[in-house]
Amino acid sequence: MGVFSFPTDLAFFFDPNENCLVECLKSCCSDSSPPRYK
C-alpha cells in the first residue's frame, strides 16, 4: 500500500445516486451467511 491509500468503499458511498440499488454480492453471502440488510 502506498502513502495515499484510501478505503475502496469511499468511491461507492461518497456521493451515491439515491435511486441506486446497493446489494451484497452473491459471492459474499450464502445460506449460512445471508445478507444482513435488505
PDB file of N, CA and C in Angstrom:
ATOM      1  N   MET A   1       0.838  -1.183   0.000  1.00  0.00           N
ATOM      2  CA  MET A   1       0.000   0.000   0.000  1.00  0.00           C
ATOM      3  C   MET A   1       0.879   1.241   0.000  1.00  0.00           C
ATOM      4  N   GLY A   2       0.438   2.225  -0.733  1.00  0.00           N
ATOM      5  CA  GLY A   2       1.204   3.441  -0.823  1.00  0.00           C
ATOM      6  C   GLY A   2       0.885   4.409   0.307  1.00  0.00           C
ATOM      7  N   VAL A   3       1.515   5.540   0.266  1.00  0.00           N
ATOM      8  CA  VAL A   3       1.323   6.562   1.288  1.00  0.00           C
ATOM      9  C   VAL A   3      -0.098   7.110   1.254  1.00  0.00           C
ATOM     10  N   PHE A   4      -0.682   7.218   0.061  1.00  0.00           N
ATOM     11  CA  PHE A   4      -2.010   7.797  -0.090  1.00  0.00           C
ATOM     12  C   PHE A   4      -3.063   6.735  -0.374  1.00  0.00           C
ATOM     13  N   SER A   5      -3.087   5.670   0.404  1.00  0.00           N
ATOM     14  CA  SER A   5      -4.099   4.629   0.194  1.00  0.00           C
ATOM     15  C   SER A   5      -5.381   5.023   0.927  1.00  0.00           C
ATOM     16  N   PHE A   6      -6.509   4.820   0.269  1.00  0.00           N
ATOM     17  CA  PHE A   6      -7.812   5.167   0.821  1.00  0.00           C
ATOM     18  C   PHE A   6      -8.710   3.940   0.795  1.00  0.00           C
ATOM     19  N   PRO A   7      -9.717   3.879   1.644  1.00  0.00           N
ATOM     20  CA  PRO A   7     -10.662   2.757   1.596  1.00  0.00           C
ATOM     21  C   PRO A   7     -11.364   2.711   0.243  1.00  0.00           C
ATOM     22  N   THR A   8     -11.524   1.520  -0.306  1.00  0.00           N
ATOM     23  CA  THR A   8     -12.161   1.407  -1.618  1.00  0.00           C
ATOM     24  C   THR A   8     -13.653   1.676  -1.555  1.00  0.00           C
ATOM     25  N   ASP A   9     -14.279   1.521  -0.390  1.00  0.00           N
ATOM     26  CA  ASP A   9     -15.713   1.775  -0.293  1.00  0.00           C
ATOM     27  C   ASP A   9     -16.045   3.255  -0.416  1.00  0.00           C
ATOM     28  N   LEU A  10     -15.077   4.124  -0.239  1.00  0.00           N
ATOM     29  CA  LEU A  10     -15.308   5.554  -0.376  1.00  0.00           C
ATOM     30  C   LEU A  10     -15.803   5.898  -1.772  1.00  0.00           C
ATOM     31  N   ALA A  11     -15.279   5.242  -2.774  1.00  0.00           N
ATOM     32  CA  ALA A  11     -15.691   5.513  -4.154  1.00  0.00           C
ATOM     33  C   ALA A  11     -17.156   5.153  -4.379  1.00  0.00           C
ATOM     34  N   PHE A  12     -17.662   4.183  -3.660  1.00  0.00           N
ATOM     35  CA  PHE A  12     -19.033   3.738  -3.856  1.00  0.00           C
ATOM     36  C   PHE A  12     -20.034   4.495  -2.997  1.00  0.00           C
ATOM     37  N   PHE A  13     -19.634   4.997  -1.847  1.00  0.00           N
ATOM     38  CA  PHE A  13     -20.578   5.592  -0.919  1.00  0.00           C
ATOM     39  C   PHE A  13     -20.358   7.075  -0.648  1.00  0.00           C
ATOM     40  N   PHE A  14     -19.433   7.702  -1.327  1.00  0.00           N
ATOM     41  CA  PHE A  14     -19.168   9.116  -1.096  1.00  0.00           C
ATOM     42  C   PHE A  14     -20.338   9.973  -1.544  1.00  0.00           C
ATOM     43  N   ASP A  15     -20.836   9.755  -2.733  1.00  0.00           N
ATOM     44  CA  ASP A  15     -21.949  10.542  -3.270  1.00  0.00           C
ATOM     45  C   ASP A  15     -22.830   9.626  -4.117  1.00  0.00           C
ATOM     46  N   PRO A  16     -23.511   8.651  -3.482  1.00  0.00           N
ATOM     47  CA  PRO A  16     -24.291   7.681  -4.260  1.00  0.00           C
ATOM     48  C   PRO A  16     -25.557   8.287  -4.844  1.00  0.00           C
ATOM     49  N   ASN A  17     -25.999   7.717  -5.921  1.00  0.00           N
ATOM     50  CA  ASN A  17     -27.279   8.082  -6.512  1.00  0.00           C
ATOM     51  C   ASN A  17     -28.355   7.502  -5.614  1.00  0.00           C
ATOM     52  N   GLU A  18     -29.341   8.299  -5.210  1.00  0.00           N
ATOM     53  CA  GLU A  18     -30.374   7.815  -4.284  1.00  0.00           C
ATOM     54  C   GLU A  18     -31.254   6.731  -4.891  1.00  0.00           C
ATOM     55  N   ASN A  19     -31.226   6.575  -6.206  1.00  0.00           N
ATOM     56  CA  ASN A  19     -32.008   5.533  -6.871  1.00  0.00           C
ATOM     57  C   ASN A  19     -31.195   4.262  -7.125  1.00  0.00           C
ATOM     58  N   CYS A  20     -29.946   4.268  -6.719  1.00  0.00           N
ATOM     59  CA  CYS A  20     -29.061   3.128  -6.941  1.00  0.00           C
ATOM     60  C   CYS A  20     -29.349   2.027  -5.922  1.00  0.00           C
ATOM     61  N   LEU A  21     -29.466   0.796  -6.389  1.00  0.00           N
ATOM     62  CA  LEU A  21     -29.684  -0.349  -5.517  1.00  0.00           C
ATOM     63  C   LEU A  21     -28.331  -0.923  -5.106  1.00  0.00           C
ATOM     64  N   VAL A  22     -28.064  -0.959  -3.808  1.00  0.00           N
ATOM     65  CA  VAL A  22     -26.813  -1.498  -3.288  1.00  0.00           C
ATOM     66  C   VAL A  22     -27.135  -2.825  -2.621  1.00  0.00           C
ATOM     67  N   GLU A  23     -26.515  -3.903  -3.103  1.00  0.00           N
ATOM     68  CA  GLU A  23     -26.786  -5.236  -2.589  1.00  0.00           C
ATOM     69  C   GLU A  23     -25.485  -5.951  -2.254  1.00  0.00           C
ATOM     70  N   CYS A  24     -25.614  -6.975  -1.440  1.00  0.00           N
ATOM     71  CA  CYS A  24     -24.487  -7.849  -1.149  1.00  0.00           C
ATOM     72  C   CYS A  24     -24.185  -8.676  -2.400  1.00  0.00           C
ATOM     73  N   LEU A  25     -22.917  -8.836  -2.733  1.00  0.00           N
ATOM     74  CA  LEU A  25     -22.545  -9.664  -3.873  1.00  0.00           C
ATOM     75  C   LEU A  25     -22.856 -11.120  -3.578  1.00  0.00           C
ATOM     76  N   LYS A  26     -23.334 -11.845  -4.572  1.00  0.00           N
ATOM     77  CA  LYS A  26     -23.702 -13.248  -4.379  1.00  0.00           C
ATOM     78  C   LYS A  26     -22.519 -14.087  -3.905  1.00  0.00           C
ATOM     79  N   SER A  27     -21.322 -13.730  -4.321  1.00  0.00           N
ATOM     80  CA  SER A  27     -20.137 -14.481  -3.894  1.00  0.00           C
ATOM     81  C   SER A  27     -19.742 -14.167  -2.447  1.00  0.00           C
ATOM     82  N   CYS A  28     -20.370 -13.152  -1.852  1.00  0.00           N
ATOM     83  CA  CYS A  28     -20.043 -12.761  -0.475  1.00  0.00           C
ATOM     84  C   CYS A  28     -21.085 -13.213   0.539  1.00  0.00           C
ATOM     85  N   CYS A  29     -22.122 -13.923   0.102  1.00  0.00           N
ATOM     86  CA  CYS A  29     -23.141 -14.411   1.025  1.00  0.00           C
ATOM     87  C   CYS A  29     -23.510 -15.847   0.665  1.00  0.00           C
ATOM     88  N   SER A  30     -24.145 -16.532   1.615  1.00  0.00           N
ATOM     89  CA  SER A  30     -24.551 -17.922   1.415  1.00  0.00           C
ATOM     90  C   SER A  30     -25.745 -18.204   2.315  1.00  0.00           C
ATOM     91  N   ASP A  31     -26.234 -19.448   2.303  1.00  0.00           N
ATOM     92  CA  ASP A  31     -27.343 -19.814   3.182  1.00  0.00           C
ATOM     93  C   ASP A  31     -26.943 -19.696   4.652  1.00  0.00           C
ATOM     94  N   SER A  32     -25.699 -20.023   4.956  1.00  0.00           N
ATOM     95  CA  SER A  32     -25.229 -19.936   6.338  1.00  0.00           C
ATOM     96  C   SER A  32     -24.789 -18.521   6.724  1.00  0.00           C
ATOM     97  N   SER A  33     -24.567 -17.670   5.732  1.00  0.00           N
ATOM     98  CA  SER A  33     -24.178 -16.284   5.976  1.00  0.00           C
ATOM     99  C   SER A  33     -24.950 -15.370   5.023  1.00  0.00           C
ATOM    100  N   PRO A  34     -26.253 -15.168   5.282  1.00  0.00           N
ATOM    101  CA  PRO A  34     -27.075 -14.363   4.381  1.00  0.00           C
ATOM    102  C   PRO A  34     -26.754 -12.868   4.505  1.00  0.00           C
ATOM    103  N   PRO A  35     -27.190 -12.066   3.537  1.00  0.00           N
ATOM    104  CA  PRO A  35     -27.008 -10.611   3.647  1.00  0.00           C
ATOM    105  C   PRO A  35     -27.690 -10.102   4.918  1.00  0.00           C
ATOM    106  N   ARG A  36     -27.098  -9.141   5.573  1.00  0.00           N
ATOM    107  CA  ARG A  36     -27.651  -8.626   6.833  1.00  0.00           C
ATOM    108  C   ARG A  36     -28.737  -7.584   6.617  1.00  0.00           C
ATOM    109  N   TYR A  37     -28.705  -6.892   5.510  1.00  0.00           N
ATOM    110  CA  TYR A  37     -29.652  -5.800   5.275  1.00  0.00           C
ATOM    111  C   TYR A  37     -30.321  -5.981   3.927  1.00  0.00           C
ATOM    112  N   LYS A  38     -31.550  -5.522   3.840  1.00  0.00           N
ATOM    113  CA  LYS A  38     -32.280  -5.555   2.565  1.00  0.00           C
ATOM    114  C   LYS A  38     -32.761  -4.176   2.223  1.00  0.00           C
TER     115      LYS A  38
END
